[in-house]
Amino acid sequence: MCLYLKILGGSMKVGDLVKFVQNPNAPPPYVIPRKCSIIGIVHDFKEVKVGDDDTGAIMRIVHVRWSNPRWNTKSGWSEESPHDLELVQSAK
């Protein structure tokens, strides 16, 4: 079984190599250091309901294990929006 997430016409799956894509228009303070090229491996996906029952939405989250351990939480990975990730290399 292959878990994957369709993103902007492409797809991302567990085991893919990704990097963080920072919005150049994001105002300070910056959470991620500028011009940082840390890479990570997609670990898992989940969907989270945000908002109330009438106006809520489903937000997709990608768990990424970053090459820099400081970017990971105590659980060993970081929760990222798929739109903030760029596929570097696809897992086979």
PDB file of N, CA and C in Angstrom:
ATOM      1  N   MET A   1       0.840  -1.179   0.000  1.00  0.00           N
ATOM      2  CA  MET A   1       0.000   0.000   0.000  1.00  0.00           C
ATOM      3  C   MET A   1       0.884   1.241   0.000  1.00  0.00           C
ATOM      4  N   CYS A   2       0.559   2.195  -0.819  1.00  0.00           N
ATOM      5  CA  CYS A   2       1.338   3.425  -0.932  1.00  0.00           C
ATOM      6  C   CYS A   2       0.468   4.599  -0.505  1.00  0.00           C
ATOM      7  N   LEU A   3       0.869   5.288   0.553  1.00  0.00           N
ATOM      8  CA  LEU A   3       0.155   6.476   0.987  1.00  0.00           C
ATOM      9  C   LEU A   3       0.695   7.665   0.213  1.00  0.00           C
ATOM     10  N   TYR A   4      -0.186   8.472  -0.346  1.00  0.00           N
ATOM     11  CA  TYR A   4       0.276   9.643  -1.071  1.00  0.00           C
ATOM     12  C   TYR A   4      -0.725  10.773  -0.916  1.00  0.00           C
ATOM     13  N   LEU A   5      -0.267  11.964  -1.238  1.00  0.00           N
ATOM     14  CA  LEU A   5      -1.085  13.157  -1.138  1.00  0.00           C
ATOM     15  C   LEU A   5      -0.945  13.926  -2.440  1.00  0.00           C
ATOM     16  N   LYS A   6      -2.072  14.191  -3.102  1.00  0.00           N
ATOM     17  CA  LYS A   6      -2.018  14.969  -4.342  1.00  0.00           C
ATOM     18  C   LYS A   6      -1.885  16.442  -3.990  1.00  0.00           C
ATOM     19  N   ILE A   7      -0.879  17.082  -4.593  1.00  0.00           N
ATOM     20  CA  ILE A   7      -0.613  18.486  -4.308  1.00  0.00           C
ATOM     21  C   ILE A   7      -0.385  19.242  -5.607  1.00  0.00           C
ATOM     22  N   LEU A   8      -1.200  20.234  -5.880  1.00  0.00           N
ATOM     23  CA  LEU A   8      -1.015  21.125  -7.016  1.00  0.00           C
ATOM     24  C   LEU A   8      -0.679  20.383  -8.307  1.00  0.00           C
ATOM     25  N   GLY A   9      -1.430  19.353  -8.603  1.00  0.00           N
ATOM     26  CA  GLY A   9      -1.240  18.634  -9.847  1.00  0.00           C
ATOM     27  C   GLY A   9      -0.198  17.535  -9.755  1.00  0.00           C
ATOM     28  N   GLY A  10       0.573  17.480  -8.695  1.00  0.00           N
ATOM     29  CA  GLY A  10       1.573  16.434  -8.513  1.00  0.00           C
ATOM     30  C   GLY A  10       1.155  15.536  -7.366  1.00  0.00           C
ATOM     31  N   SER A  11       2.081  14.758  -6.860  1.00  0.00           N
ATOM     32  CA  SER A  11       1.760  13.934  -5.701  1.00  0.00           C
ATOM     33  C   SER A  11       2.991  13.803  -4.826  1.00  0.00           C
ATOM     34  N   MET A  12       2.764  13.528  -3.572  1.00  0.00           N
ATOM     35  CA  MET A  12       3.823  13.349  -2.588  1.00  0.00           C
ATOM     36  C   MET A  12       3.470  12.083  -1.829  1.00  0.00           C
ATOM     37  N   LYS A  13       4.466  11.261  -1.540  1.00  0.00           N
ATOM     38  CA  LYS A  13       4.192  10.010  -0.838  1.00  0.00           C
ATOM     39  C   LYS A  13       5.223   9.785   0.251  1.00  0.00           C
ATOM     40  N   VAL A  14       4.918   8.853   1.129  1.00  0.00           N
ATOM     41  CA  VAL A  14       5.823   8.495   2.216  1.00  0.00           C
ATOM     42  C   VAL A  14       7.153   8.055   1.616  1.00  0.00           C
ATOM     43  N   GLY A  15       8.238   8.585   2.149  1.00  0.00           N
ATOM     44  CA  GLY A  15       9.575   8.253   1.675  1.00  0.00           C
ATOM     45  C   GLY A  15      10.162   9.273   0.723  1.00  0.00           C
ATOM     46  N   ASP A  16       9.347  10.216   0.227  1.00  0.00           N
ATOM     47  CA  ASP A  16       9.858  11.250  -0.672  1.00  0.00           C
ATOM     48  C   ASP A  16      10.791  12.198   0.073  1.00  0.00           C
ATOM     49  N   LEU A  17      11.776  12.719  -0.640  1.00  0.00           N
ATOM     50  CA  LEU A  17      12.704  13.708  -0.116  1.00  0.00           C
ATOM     51  C   LEU A  17      12.151  15.084  -0.462  1.00  0.00           C
ATOM     52  N   VAL A  18      12.025  15.955   0.549  1.00  0.00           N
ATOM     53  CA  VAL A  18      11.435  17.277   0.358  1.00  0.00           C
ATOM     54  C   VAL A  18      12.312  18.352   0.975  1.00  0.00           C
ATOM     55  N   LYS A  19      12.061  19.594   0.564  1.00  0.00           N
ATOM     56  CA  LYS A  19      12.691  20.726   1.234  1.00  0.00           C
ATOM     57  C   LYS A  19      11.613  21.760   1.522  1.00  0.00           C
ATOM     58  N   PHE A  20      11.880  22.613   2.498  1.00  0.00           N
ATOM     59  CA  PHE A  20      10.934  23.648   2.887  1.00  0.00           C
ATOM     60  C   PHE A  20      11.027  24.786   1.885  1.00  0.00           C
ATOM     61  N   VAL A  21       9.878  25.269   1.422  1.00  0.00           N
ATOM     62  CA  VAL A  21       9.819  26.395   0.496  1.00  0.00           C
ATOM     63  C   VAL A  21       9.247  27.574   1.259  1.00  0.00           C
ATOM     64  N   GLN A  22      10.049  28.597   1.440  1.00  0.00           N
ATOM     65  CA  GLN A  22       9.609  29.757   2.213  1.00  0.00           C
ATOM     66  C   GLN A  22       8.978  30.800   1.308  1.00  0.00           C
ATOM     67  N   ASN A  23       7.871  31.329   1.739  1.00  0.00           N
ATOM     68  CA  ASN A  23       7.202  32.395   1.006  1.00  0.00           C
ATOM     69  C   ASN A  23       8.075  33.656   1.088  1.00  0.00           C
ATOM     70  N   PRO A  24       8.563  34.166  -0.050  1.00  0.00           N
ATOM     71  CA  PRO A  24       9.433  35.342  -0.017  1.00  0.00           C
ATOM     72  C   PRO A  24       8.723  36.605   0.468  1.00  0.00           C
ATOM     73  N   ASN A  25       7.400  36.590   0.468  1.00  0.00           N
ATOM     74  CA  ASN A  25       6.631  37.757   0.906  1.00  0.00           C
ATOM     75  C   ASN A  25       6.239  37.687   2.380  1.00  0.00           C
ATOM     76  N   ALA A  26       6.684  36.638   3.078  1.00  0.00           N
ATOM     77  CA  ALA A  26       6.320  36.488   4.487  1.00  0.00           C
ATOM     78  C   ALA A  26       6.978  37.593   5.313  1.00  0.00           C
ATOM     79  N   PRO A  27       6.193  38.240   6.163  1.00  0.00           N
ATOM     80  CA  PRO A  27       6.760  39.313   6.992  1.00  0.00           C
ATOM     81  C   PRO A  27       7.560  38.745   8.156  1.00  0.00           C
ATOM     82  N   PRO A  28       8.520  39.518   8.692  1.00  0.00           N
ATOM     83  CA  PRO A  28       9.248  39.065   9.891  1.00  0.00           C
ATOM     84  C   PRO A  28       8.275  38.966  11.060  1.00  0.00           C
ATOM     85  N   PRO A  29       8.528  38.214  12.101  1.00  0.00           N
ATOM     86  CA  PRO A  29       9.737  37.407  12.306  1.00  0.00           C
ATOM     87  C   PRO A  29       9.650  36.102  11.521  1.00  0.00           C
ATOM     88  N   TYR A  30      10.757  35.633  11.045  1.00  0.00           N
ATOM     89  CA  TYR A  30      10.832  34.407  10.268  1.00  0.00           C
ATOM     90  C   TYR A  30      11.034  33.225  11.197  1.00  0.00           C
ATOM     91  N   VAL A  31      10.193  32.216  11.064  1.00  0.00           N
ATOM     92  CA  VAL A  31      10.335  31.013  11.875  1.00  0.00           C
ATOM     93  C   VAL A  31      11.484  30.172  11.330  1.00  0.00           C
ATOM     94  N   ILE A  32      11.544  30.050  10.011  1.00  0.00           N
ATOM     95  CA  ILE A  32      12.602  29.294   9.354  1.00  0.00           C
ATOM     96  C   ILE A  32      13.660  30.289   8.885  1.00  0.00           C
ATOM     97  N   PRO A  33      14.930  30.045   9.188  1.00  0.00           N
ATOM     98  CA  PRO A  33      15.977  30.982   8.754  1.00  0.00           C
ATOM     99  C   PRO A  33      15.989  31.159   7.243  1.00  0.00           C
ATOM    100  N   ARG A  34      16.231  32.365   6.789  1.00  0.00           N
ATOM    101  CA  ARG A  34      16.314  32.663   5.358  1.00  0.00           C
ATOM    102  C   ARG A  34      17.470  31.902   4.727  1.00  0.00           C
ATOM    103  N   LYS A  35      17.299  31.517   3.478  1.00  0.00           N
ATOM    104  CA  LYS A  35      18.318  30.827   2.679  1.00  0.00           C
ATOM    105  C   LYS A  35      18.815  29.552   3.355  1.00  0.00           C
ATOM    106  N   CYS A  36      17.923  28.842   3.996  1.00  0.00           N
ATOM    107  CA  CYS A  36      18.259  27.589   4.661  1.00  0.00           C
ATOM    108  C   CYS A  36      17.809  26.438   3.770  1.00  0.00           C
ATOM    109  N   SER A  37      18.669  25.462   3.561  1.00  0.00           N
ATOM    110  CA  SER A  37      18.325  24.383   2.621  1.00  0.00           C
ATOM    111  C   SER A  37      18.326  23.014   3.303  1.00  0.00           C
ATOM    112  N   ILE A  38      17.635  22.910   4.404  1.00  0.00           N
ATOM    113  CA  ILE A  38      17.495  21.638   5.104  1.00  0.00           C
ATOM    114  C   ILE A  38      16.533  20.754   4.312  1.00  0.00           C
ATOM    115  N   ILE A  39      16.839  19.465   4.226  1.00  0.00           N
ATOM    116  CA  ILE A  39      15.955  18.533   3.534  1.00  0.00           C
ATOM    117  C   ILE A  39      15.355  17.559   4.545  1.00  0.00           C
ATOM    118  N   GLY A  40      14.265  16.920   4.158  1.00  0.00           N
ATOM    119  CA  GLY A  40      13.602  15.968   5.040  1.00  0.00           C
ATOM    120  C   GLY A  40      12.937  14.852   4.247  1.00  0.00           C
ATOM    121  N   ILE A  41      12.502  13.852   4.978  1.00  0.00           N
ATOM    122  CA  ILE A  41      11.816  12.708   4.387  1.00  0.00           C
ATOM    123  C   ILE A  41      10.374  12.697   4.883  1.00  0.00           C
ATOM    124  N   VAL A  42       9.440  12.524   3.939  1.00  0.00           N
ATOM    125  CA  VAL A  42       8.023  12.444   4.300  1.00  0.00           C
ATOM    126  C   VAL A  42       7.801  11.175   5.108  1.00  0.00           C
ATOM    127  N   HIS A  43       7.235  11.331   6.302  1.00  0.00           N
ATOM    128  CA  HIS A  43       7.042  10.228   7.234  1.00  0.00           C
ATOM    129  C   HIS A  43       5.601   9.713   7.217  1.00  0.00           C
ATOM    130  N   ASP A  44       4.640  10.629   7.104  1.00  0.00           N
ATOM    131  CA  ASP A  44       3.235  10.256   7.194  1.00  0.00           C
ATOM    132  C   ASP A  44       2.370  11.450   6.797  1.00  0.00           C
ATOM    133  N   PHE A  45       1.061  11.232   6.681  1.00  0.00           N
ATOM    134  CA  PHE A  45       0.084  12.277   6.399  1.00  0.00           C
ATOM    135  C   PHE A  45      -1.055  12.170   7.402  1.00  0.00           C
ATOM    136  N   LYS A  46      -1.715  13.300   7.640  1.00  0.00           N
ATOM    137  CA  LYS A  46      -2.954  13.249   8.424  1.00  0.00           C
ATOM    138  C   LYS A  46      -3.833  14.413   8.005  1.00  0.00           C
ATOM    139  N   GLU A  47      -5.112  14.294   8.313  1.00  0.00           N
ATOM    140  CA  GLU A  47      -6.068  15.359   8.061  1.00  0.00           C
ATOM    141  C   GLU A  47      -6.636  15.799   9.393  1.00  0.00           C
ATOM    142  N   VAL A  48      -6.727  17.117   9.575  1.00  0.00           N
ATOM    143  CA  VAL A  48      -7.206  17.688  10.827  1.00  0.00           C
ATOM    144  C   VAL A  48      -8.371  18.608  10.519  1.00  0.00           C
ATOM    145  N   LYS A  49      -9.442  18.473  11.276  1.00  0.00           N
ATOM    146  CA  LYS A  49     -10.588  19.369  11.107  1.00  0.00           C
ATOM    147  C   LYS A  49     -10.316  20.648  11.899  1.00  0.00           C
ATOM    148  N   VAL A  50     -10.451  21.780  11.224  1.00  0.00           N
ATOM    149  CA  VAL A  50     -10.281  23.078  11.876  1.00  0.00           C
ATOM    150  C   VAL A  50     -11.588  23.852  11.759  1.00  0.00           C
ATOM    151  N   GLY A  51     -11.886  24.650  12.763  1.00  0.00           N
ATOM    152  CA  GLY A  51     -13.118  25.420  12.759  1.00  0.00           C
ATOM    153  C   GLY A  51     -14.274  24.643  13.351  1.00  0.00           C
ATOM    154  N   ASP A  52     -15.463  25.225  13.253  1.00  0.00           N
ATOM    155  CA  ASP A  52     -16.653  24.573  13.809  1.00  0.00           C
ATOM    156  C   ASP A  52     -17.356  23.741  12.745  1.00  0.00           C
ATOM    157  N   ASP A  53     -18.464  23.152  13.121  1.00  0.00           N
ATOM    158  CA  ASP A  53     -19.174  22.250  12.211  1.00  0.00           C
ATOM    159  C   ASP A  53     -19.715  22.946  10.962  1.00  0.00           C
ATOM    160  N   ASP A  54     -20.160  24.191  11.089  1.00  0.00           N
ATOM    161  CA  ASP A  54     -20.776  24.897   9.962  1.00  0.00           C
ATOM    162  C   ASP A  54     -19.752  25.486   8.993  1.00  0.00           C
ATOM    163  N   THR A  55     -18.669  26.000   9.517  1.00  0.00           N
ATOM    164  CA  THR A  55     -17.701  26.684   8.653  1.00  0.00           C
ATOM    165  C   THR A  55     -16.317  26.028   8.685  1.00  0.00           C
ATOM    166  N   GLY A  56     -16.238  24.843   9.211  1.00  0.00           N
ATOM    167  CA  GLY A  56     -14.952  24.165   9.343  1.00  0.00           C
ATOM    168  C   GLY A  56     -14.388  23.691   8.011  1.00  0.00           C
ATOM    169  N   ALA A  57     -13.151  23.280   8.068  1.00  0.00           N
ATOM    170  CA  ALA A  57     -12.469  22.771   6.882  1.00  0.00           C
ATOM    171  C   ALA A  57     -11.541  21.634   7.306  1.00  0.00           C
ATOM    172  N   ILE A  58     -11.094  20.885   6.333  1.00  0.00           N
ATOM    173  CA  ILE A  58     -10.132  19.811   6.581  1.00  0.00           C
ATOM    174  C   ILE A  58      -8.763  20.318   6.132  1.00  0.00           C
ATOM    175  N   MET A  59      -7.796  20.312   7.037  1.00  0.00           N
ATOM    176  CA  MET A  59      -6.439  20.741   6.719  1.00  0.00           C
ATOM    177  C   MET A  59      -5.552  19.512   6.627  1.00  0.00           C
ATOM    178  N   ARG A  60      -4.826  19.392   5.531  1.00  0.00           N
ATOM    179  CA  ARG A  60      -3.902  18.267   5.355  1.00  0.00           C
ATOM    180  C   ARG A  60      -2.547  18.634   5.945  1.00  0.00           C
ATOM    181  N   ILE A  61      -1.975  17.710   6.687  1.00  0.00           N
ATOM    182  CA  ILE A  61      -0.686  17.893   7.355  1.00  0.00           C
ATOM    183  C   ILE A  61       0.265  16.803   6.884  1.00  0.00           C
ATOM    184  N   VAL A  62       1.516  17.183   6.627  1.00  0.00           N
ATOM    185  CA  VAL A  62       2.557  16.232   6.254  1.00  0.00           C
ATOM    186  C   VAL A  62       3.549  16.149   7.408  1.00  0.00           C
ATOM    187  N   HIS A  63       3.817  14.934   7.879  1.00  0.00           N
ATOM    188  CA  HIS A  63       4.855  14.737   8.888  1.00  0.00           C
ATOM    189  C   HIS A  63       6.184  14.565   8.158  1.00  0.00           C
ATOM    190  N   VAL A  64       7.152  15.399   8.494  1.00  0.00           N
ATOM    191  CA  VAL A  64       8.465  15.361   7.853  1.00  0.00           C
ATOM    192  C   VAL A  64       9.531  15.161   8.918  1.00  0.00           C
ATOM    193  N   ARG A  65      10.455  14.248   8.664  1.00  0.00           N
ATOM    194  CA  ARG A  65      11.631  14.070   9.531  1.00  0.00           C
ATOM    195  C   ARG A  65      12.771  14.839   8.865  1.00  0.00           C
ATOM    196  N   TRP A  66      13.140  15.978   9.462  1.00  0.00           N
ATOM    197  CA  TRP A  66      14.155  16.866   8.891  1.00  0.00           C
ATOM    198  C   TRP A  66      15.563  16.378   9.179  1.00  0.00           C
ATOM    199  N   SER A  67      16.500  16.720   8.275  1.00  0.00           N
ATOM    200  CA  SER A  67      17.895  16.337   8.452  1.00  0.00           C
ATOM    201  C   SER A  67      18.541  17.101   9.605  1.00  0.00           C
ATOM    202  N   ASN A  68      18.005  18.249   9.957  1.00  0.00           N
ATOM    203  CA  ASN A  68      18.472  19.009  11.117  1.00  0.00           C
ATOM    204  C   ASN A  68      17.546  18.676  12.285  1.00  0.00           C
ATOM    205  N   PRO A  69      18.026  17.957  13.305  1.00  0.00           N
ATOM    206  CA  PRO A  69      17.156  17.525  14.406  1.00  0.00           C
ATOM    207  C   PRO A  69      16.467  18.673  15.141  1.00  0.00           C
ATOM    208  N   ARG A  70      17.008  19.877  15.078  1.00  0.00           N
ATOM    209  CA  ARG A  70      16.380  21.022  15.755  1.00  0.00           C
ATOM    210  C   ARG A  70      15.046  21.387  15.132  1.00  0.00           C
ATOM    211  N   TRP A  71      14.806  20.971  13.896  1.00  0.00           N
ATOM    212  CA  TRP A  71      13.538  21.267  13.227  1.00  0.00           C
ATOM    213  C   TRP A  71      12.462  20.264  13.617  1.00  0.00           C
ATOM    214  N   ASN A  72      12.843  19.137  14.184  1.00  0.00           N
ATOM    215  CA  ASN A  72      11.894  18.093  14.560  1.00  0.00           C
ATOM    216  C   ASN A  72      11.387  18.328  15.978  1.00  0.00           C
ATOM    217  N   THR A  73      10.173  17.876  16.251  1.00  0.00           N
ATOM    218  CA  THR A  73       9.625  17.968  17.602  1.00  0.00           C
ATOM    219  C   THR A  73      10.114  16.777  18.419  1.00  0.00           C
ATOM    220  N   LYS A  74       9.659  16.678  19.640  1.00  0.00           N
ATOM    221  CA  LYS A  74      10.037  15.545  20.498  1.00  0.00           C
ATOM    222  C   LYS A  74       9.563  14.214  19.919  1.00  0.00           C
ATOM    223  N   SER A  75       8.533  14.276  19.080  1.00  0.00           N
ATOM    224  CA  SER A  75       8.026  13.056  18.455  1.00  0.00           C
ATOM    225  C   SER A  75       8.942  12.561  17.338  1.00  0.00           C
ATOM    226  N   GLY A  76       9.916  13.375  16.933  1.00  0.00           N
ATOM    227  CA  GLY A  76      10.881  12.963  15.923  1.00  0.00           C
ATOM    228  C   GLY A  76      10.617  13.509  14.533  1.00  0.00           C
ATOM    229  N   TRP A  77       9.521  14.254  14.353  1.00  0.00           N
ATOM    230  CA  TRP A  77       9.221  14.852  13.060  1.00  0.00           C
ATOM    231  C   TRP A  77       8.520  16.179  13.280  1.00  0.00           C
ATOM    232  N   SER A  78       8.279  16.882  12.193  1.00  0.00           N
ATOM    233  CA  SER A  78       7.626  18.176  12.218  1.00  0.00           C
ATOM    234  C   SER A  78       6.347  18.095  11.397  1.00  0.00           C
ATOM    235  N   GLU A  79       5.321  18.846  11.781  1.00  0.00           N
ATOM    236  CA  GLU A  79       4.074  18.903  11.025  1.00  0.00           C
ATOM    237  C   GLU A  79       4.137  20.099  10.086  1.00  0.00           C
ATOM    238  N   GLU A  80       3.980  19.838   8.777  1.00  0.00           N
ATOM    239  CA  GLU A  80       4.101  20.891   7.765  1.00  0.00           C
ATOM    240  C   GLU A  80       2.880  20.918   6.858  1.00  0.00           C
ATOM    241  N   SER A  81       2.618  22.082   6.294  1.00  0.00           N
ATOM    242  CA  SER A  81       1.599  22.209   5.253  1.00  0.00           C
ATOM    243  C   SER A  81       2.208  21.705   3.948  1.00  0.00           C
ATOM    244  N   PRO A  82       1.469  20.927   3.165  1.00  0.00           N
ATOM    245  CA  PRO A  82       2.024  20.435   1.905  1.00  0.00           C
ATOM    246  C   PRO A  82       2.411  21.559   0.948  1.00  0.00           C
ATOM    247  N   HIS A  83       1.781  22.719   1.075  1.00  0.00           N
ATOM    248  CA  HIS A  83       2.081  23.841   0.187  1.00  0.00           C
ATOM    249  C   HIS A  83       3.411  24.503   0.529  1.00  0.00           C
ATOM    250  N   ASP A  84       3.976  24.180   1.690  1.00  0.00           N
ATOM    251  CA  ASP A  84       5.275  24.719   2.099  1.00  0.00           C
ATOM    252  C   ASP A  84       6.416  23.771   1.768  1.00  0.00           C
ATOM    253  N   LEU A  85       6.118  22.693   1.049  1.00  0.00           N
ATOM    254  CA  LEU A  85       7.130  21.690   0.738  1.00  0.00           C
ATOM    255  C   LEU A  85       7.324  21.568  -0.762  1.00  0.00           C
ATOM    256  N   GLU A  86       8.573  21.349  -1.151  1.00  0.00           N
ATOM    257  CA  GLU A  86       8.902  21.115  -2.553  1.00  0.00           C
ATOM    258  C   GLU A  86       9.548  19.735  -2.666  1.00  0.00           C
ATOM    259  N   LEU A  87       9.080  18.962  -3.624  1.00  0.00           N
ATOM    260  CA  LEU A  87       9.613  17.622  -3.846  1.00  0.00           C
ATOM    261  C   LEU A  87      11.019  17.728  -4.426  1.00  0.00           C
ATOM    262  N   VAL A  88      11.987  17.097  -3.754  1.00  0.00           N
ATOM    263  CA  VAL A  88      13.377  17.068  -4.225  1.00  0.00           C
ATOM    264  C   VAL A  88      13.618  15.783  -5.007  1.00  0.00           C
ATOM    265  N   GLN A  89      13.182  14.657  -4.421  1.00  0.00           N
ATOM    266  CA  GLN A  89      13.336  13.365  -5.093  1.00  0.00           C
ATOM    267  C   GLN A  89      12.211  12.450  -4.640  1.00  0.00           C
ATOM    268  N   SER A  90      11.617  11.775  -5.602  1.00  0.00           N
ATOM    269  CA  SER A  90      10.513  10.860  -5.320  1.00  0.00           C
ATOM    270  C   SER A  90      11.039   9.498  -4.899  1.00  0.00           C
ATOM    271  N   ALA A  91      10.401   8.905  -3.903  1.00  0.00           N
ATOM    272  CA  ALA A  91      10.729   7.539  -3.494  1.00  0.00           C
ATOM    273  C   ALA A  91      10.135   6.579  -4.508  1.00  0.00           C
ATOM    274  N   LYS A  92      10.798   5.473  -4.721  1.00  0.00           N
ATOM    275  CA  LYS A  92      10.298   4.498  -5.707  1.00  0.00           C
ATOM    276  C   LYS A  92       9.363   3.510  -5.057  1.00  0.00           C
TER     277      LYS A  92
END
